């Protein structure tokens, strides 16, 4: 393989002694799919193009293509390009995976925050209801307090298991009693507990 004088140049960049017309042909060769890359195919494409333009007489002979490709190591330079493209694709895929992973971690953190808020609100409502004589919580029956506690305990277990929350998002600081009641009923419907 030829040594490129410019330290920042890539192997598939134009070489100092490479003619621009041949470099453009190399570019076409380089951009072919690796399994389809062939000097013969490149020559045939060039011949078809020249035929359409009416300049077929200016087409270099096939052996000239072979000599120039060998002199400037077209196959080696094209392989280097392929390796760089594969590495670029791999790096892009890794970046995408890390962004997806970060996004999943952020989603889990948000779910945990919502679960904690739900548990705190639920626990405080149940304690407040137990401590008052005029228990209402939207006309809940005392037996439902046990169900509320089951939901609380289930959410608490899932919190430590790091399971995803299975309820839609609420603004927990502005959750009304009715919304809380509906949310609890929804949770009980998802995982009905035994009632004694």
Protein backbone atom coordinates (compact mmCIF):
# COMPACT_ATOMS: atom_id res chain seq x y z
CA UNK A 1 0.00 0.00 0.00
CA UNK A 2 1.21 3.50 -0.79
CA UNK A 3 2.28 5.76 2.04
CA UNK A 4 0.20 8.89 2.14
CA UNK A 5 2.35 11.98 2.67
CA UNK A 6 -0.29 14.02 4.47
CA UNK A 7 -0.42 12.62 8.01
CA UNK A 8 -4.13 13.48 8.36
CA UNK A 9 -5.07 11.92 5.02
CA UNK A 10 -6.97 8.67 4.93
CA UNK A 11 -5.83 5.77 2.73
CA UNK A 12 -8.78 6.31 0.39
CA UNK A 13 -8.01 10.01 -0.14
CA UNK A 14 -6.30 11.08 -3.36
CA UNK A 15 -2.62 10.19 -3.46
CA UNK A 16 0.00 12.82 -4.37
CA UNK A 17 0.87 11.12 -7.69
CA UNK A 18 -2.70 10.05 -8.54
CA UNK A 19 -4.40 11.65 -11.54
CA UNK A 20 -7.78 13.24 -10.71
CA UNK A 21 -9.61 11.33 -13.48
CA UNK A 22 -8.27 8.03 -12.11
CA UNK A 23 -9.09 9.08 -8.56
CA UNK A 24 -12.71 9.69 -9.60
CA UNK A 25 -12.77 6.15 -11.04
CA UNK A 26 -11.30 4.88 -7.77
CA UNK A 27 -14.08 6.70 -5.90
CA UNK A 28 -16.68 4.79 -7.95
CA UNK A 29 -14.80 1.56 -7.27
CA UNK A 30 -14.52 2.33 -3.55
CA UNK A 31 -18.24 3.09 -3.20
CA UNK A 32 -19.29 -0.25 -4.72
CA UNK A 33 -20.55 -2.85 -2.26
CA UNK A 34 -17.54 -4.95 -1.16
CA UNK A 35 -19.08 -8.16 -2.51
CA UNK A 36 -19.78 -6.50 -5.90
CA UNK A 37 -16.55 -4.50 -6.16
CA UNK A 38 -14.65 -5.37 -9.31
CA UNK A 39 -12.44 -3.62 -11.84
CA UNK A 40 -14.27 -5.42 -14.63
CA UNK A 41 -17.64 -4.05 -13.43
CA UNK A 42 -16.14 -0.56 -13.09
CA UNK A 43 -14.70 -0.81 -16.61
CA UNK A 44 -18.09 -1.90 -18.02
CA UNK A 45 -19.87 0.99 -16.24
CA UNK A 46 -17.31 3.46 -17.56
CA UNK A 47 -17.70 2.02 -21.06
CA UNK A 48 -21.51 2.39 -20.91
CA UNK A 49 -21.15 5.98 -19.71
CA UNK A 50 -18.68 6.81 -22.48
CA UNK A 51 -20.94 5.16 -25.06
CA UNK A 52 -23.87 7.36 -23.97
CA UNK A 53 -21.67 10.47 -24.12
CA UNK A 54 -20.21 9.49 -27.49
CA UNK A 55 -16.65 9.49 -26.12
CA UNK A 56 -15.99 5.75 -26.24
CA UNK A 57 -12.75 6.35 -28.14
CA UNK A 58 -11.35 8.17 -25.05
CA UNK A 59 -11.84 5.15 -22.76
CA UNK A 60 -8.53 3.70 -21.53
CA UNK A 61 -7.97 -0.01 -22.15
CA UNK A 62 -9.00 -2.50 -19.46
CA UNK A 63 -5.35 -3.43 -18.82
CA UNK A 64 -4.70 0.26 -18.02
CA UNK A 65 -7.44 0.07 -15.38
CA UNK A 66 -5.72 -2.99 -13.90
CA UNK A 67 -2.27 -1.33 -13.94
CA UNK A 68 -3.48 1.90 -12.30
CA UNK A 69 -5.51 -0.03 -9.71
CA UNK A 70 -2.43 -2.09 -8.86
CA UNK A 71 -0.11 0.94 -8.77
CA UNK A 72 -2.37 2.84 -6.38
CA UNK A 73 -3.57 -0.25 -4.46
CA UNK A 74 -7.28 0.30 -5.05
CA UNK A 75 -8.32 -2.97 -3.37
CA UNK A 76 -6.31 -2.21 -0.21
CA UNK A 77 -7.53 1.38 -0.01
CA UNK A 78 -11.12 0.27 -0.56
CA UNK A 79 -10.76 -2.34 2.24
CA UNK A 80 -9.46 0.38 4.56
CA UNK A 81 -12.51 2.47 3.68
CA UNK A 82 -14.78 -0.52 4.42
CA UNK A 83 -13.10 -1.05 7.81
CA UNK A 84 -13.54 2.63 8.67
CA UNK A 85 -17.22 2.51 7.67
CA UNK A 86 -17.80 -0.61 9.78
CA UNK A 87 -16.10 1.05 12.74
CA UNK A 88 -18.16 4.21 12.22
CA UNK A 89 -21.35 2.12 12.13
CA UNK A 90 -20.27 0.24 15.26
CA UNK A 91 -19.51 3.49 17.10
CA UNK A 92 -22.87 4.92 16.01
CA UNK A 93 -24.68 1.80 17.23
CA UNK A 94 -22.84 1.96 20.57
CA UNK A 95 -23.76 5.63 20.94
CA UNK A 96 -27.38 4.83 20.15
CA UNK A 97 -27.39 1.96 22.67
CA UNK A 98 -25.88 4.19 25.36
CA UNK A 99 -28.48 6.90 24.65
CA UNK A 100 -31.28 4.31 24.79
CA UNK A 101 -29.82 2.92 28.01
CA UNK A 102 -29.62 6.41 29.48
CA UNK A 103 -33.20 7.06 28.39
CA UNK A 104 -34.35 3.78 29.98
CA UNK A 105 -32.55 4.68 33.21
CA UNK A 106 -34.21 8.10 33.24
CA UNK A 107 -37.61 6.47 32.64
CA UNK A 108 -37.00 4.02 35.52
CA UNK A 109 -36.00 6.90 37.80
CA UNK A 110 -39.18 8.78 36.86
CA UNK A 111 -41.29 5.67 37.47
CA UNK A 112 -39.67 5.19 40.87
CA UNK A 113 -40.35 8.82 41.74
CA UNK A 114 -44.02 8.42 40.76
CA UNK A 115 -44.30 5.17 42.70
CA UNK A 116 -42.84 6.80 45.82
CA UNK A 117 -45.21 9.74 45.49
CA UNK A 118 -48.18 7.40 45.10
CA UNK A 119 -47.11 5.36 48.13
CA UNK A 120 -46.65 8.46 50.28
CA UNK A 121 -50.00 9.94 49.30
CA UNK A 122 -51.77 6.63 49.71
CA UNK A 123 -50.20 5.89 53.06
CA UNK A 124 -50.95 9.38 54.38
CA UNK A 125 -54.56 9.22 53.16
CA UNK A 126 -55.10 5.82 54.78
CA UNK A 127 -53.55 6.98 58.06
CA UNK A 128 -55.64 10.15 58.01
CA UNK A 129 -58.78 8.13 57.28
CA UNK A 130 -58.07 5.69 60.08
CA UNK A 131 -57.46 8.51 62.56
CA UNK A 132 -60.73 10.32 61.86
CA UNK A 133 -64.27 9.37 62.74
CA UNK A 134 -65.72 10.92 59.60
CA UNK A 135 -63.84 8.69 57.16
CA UNK A 136 -64.88 9.58 53.57
CA UNK A 137 -62.19 9.10 50.92
CA UNK A 138 -65.01 9.27 48.41
CA UNK A 139 -67.27 7.01 50.45
CA UNK A 140 -64.77 4.17 50.67
CA UNK A 141 -65.74 1.25 52.86
CA UNK A 142 -63.49 0.25 55.76
CA UNK A 143 -62.73 -3.04 53.93
CA UNK A 144 -61.31 -0.98 51.11
CA UNK A 145 -58.72 0.40 53.51
CA UNK A 146 -57.24 -3.07 53.56
CA UNK A 147 -57.21 -3.08 49.77
CA UNK A 148 -55.51 0.32 49.79
CA UNK A 149 -52.90 -1.07 52.15
CA UNK A 150 -52.41 -4.06 49.80
CA UNK A 151 -51.81 -1.66 46.90
CA UNK A 152 -49.38 0.27 49.07
CA UNK A 153 -47.51 -2.89 50.06
CA UNK A 154 -47.49 -4.17 46.45
CA UNK A 155 -46.05 -0.86 45.24
CA UNK A 156 -43.54 -0.92 48.07
CA UNK A 157 -42.40 -4.44 47.09
CA UNK A 158 -42.13 -3.42 43.44
CA UNK A 159 -40.16 -0.35 44.46
CA UNK A 160 -37.47 -2.55 45.92
CA UNK A 161 -37.69 -5.03 43.03
CA UNK A 162 -37.23 -2.06 40.66
CA UNK A 163 -40.27 -3.17 38.66
CA UNK A 164 -41.76 -0.61 36.27
CA UNK A 165 -44.81 1.30 37.40
CA UNK A 166 -47.94 0.17 35.59
CA UNK A 167 -50.10 3.25 35.87
CA UNK A 168 -50.44 6.30 33.77
CA UNK A 169 -48.67 9.47 34.78
CA UNK A 170 -50.30 11.75 37.30
CA UNK A 171 -49.29 15.05 38.77
CA UNK A 172 -49.15 13.56 42.26
CA UNK A 173 -48.96 16.83 44.14
CA UNK A 174 -52.35 17.88 42.69
CA UNK A 175 -54.03 14.45 42.78
CA UNK A 176 -57.61 14.75 44.06
CA UNK A 177 -59.20 12.16 46.32
CA UNK A 178 -61.35 10.95 43.42
CA UNK A 179 -58.31 10.58 41.13
CA UNK A 180 -56.48 8.73 43.89
CA UNK A 181 -59.49 6.48 44.43
CA UNK A 182 -59.71 5.76 40.68
CA UNK A 183 -55.98 5.05 40.53
CA UNK A 184 -56.23 2.59 43.42
CA UNK A 185 -59.21 0.86 41.81
CA UNK A 186 -57.22 0.63 38.58
CA UNK A 187 -54.29 -0.92 40.44
CA UNK A 188 -56.57 -3.38 42.19
CA UNK A 189 -58.07 -4.37 38.84
CA UNK A 190 -54.57 -5.02 37.46
CA UNK A 191 -53.60 -7.20 40.43
CA UNK A 192 -56.69 -8.22 42.40
CA UNK A 193 -55.77 -9.26 45.92
CA UNK A 194 -57.53 -11.74 48.11
CA UNK A 195 -60.16 -10.19 50.33
CA UNK A 196 -60.76 -11.67 53.74
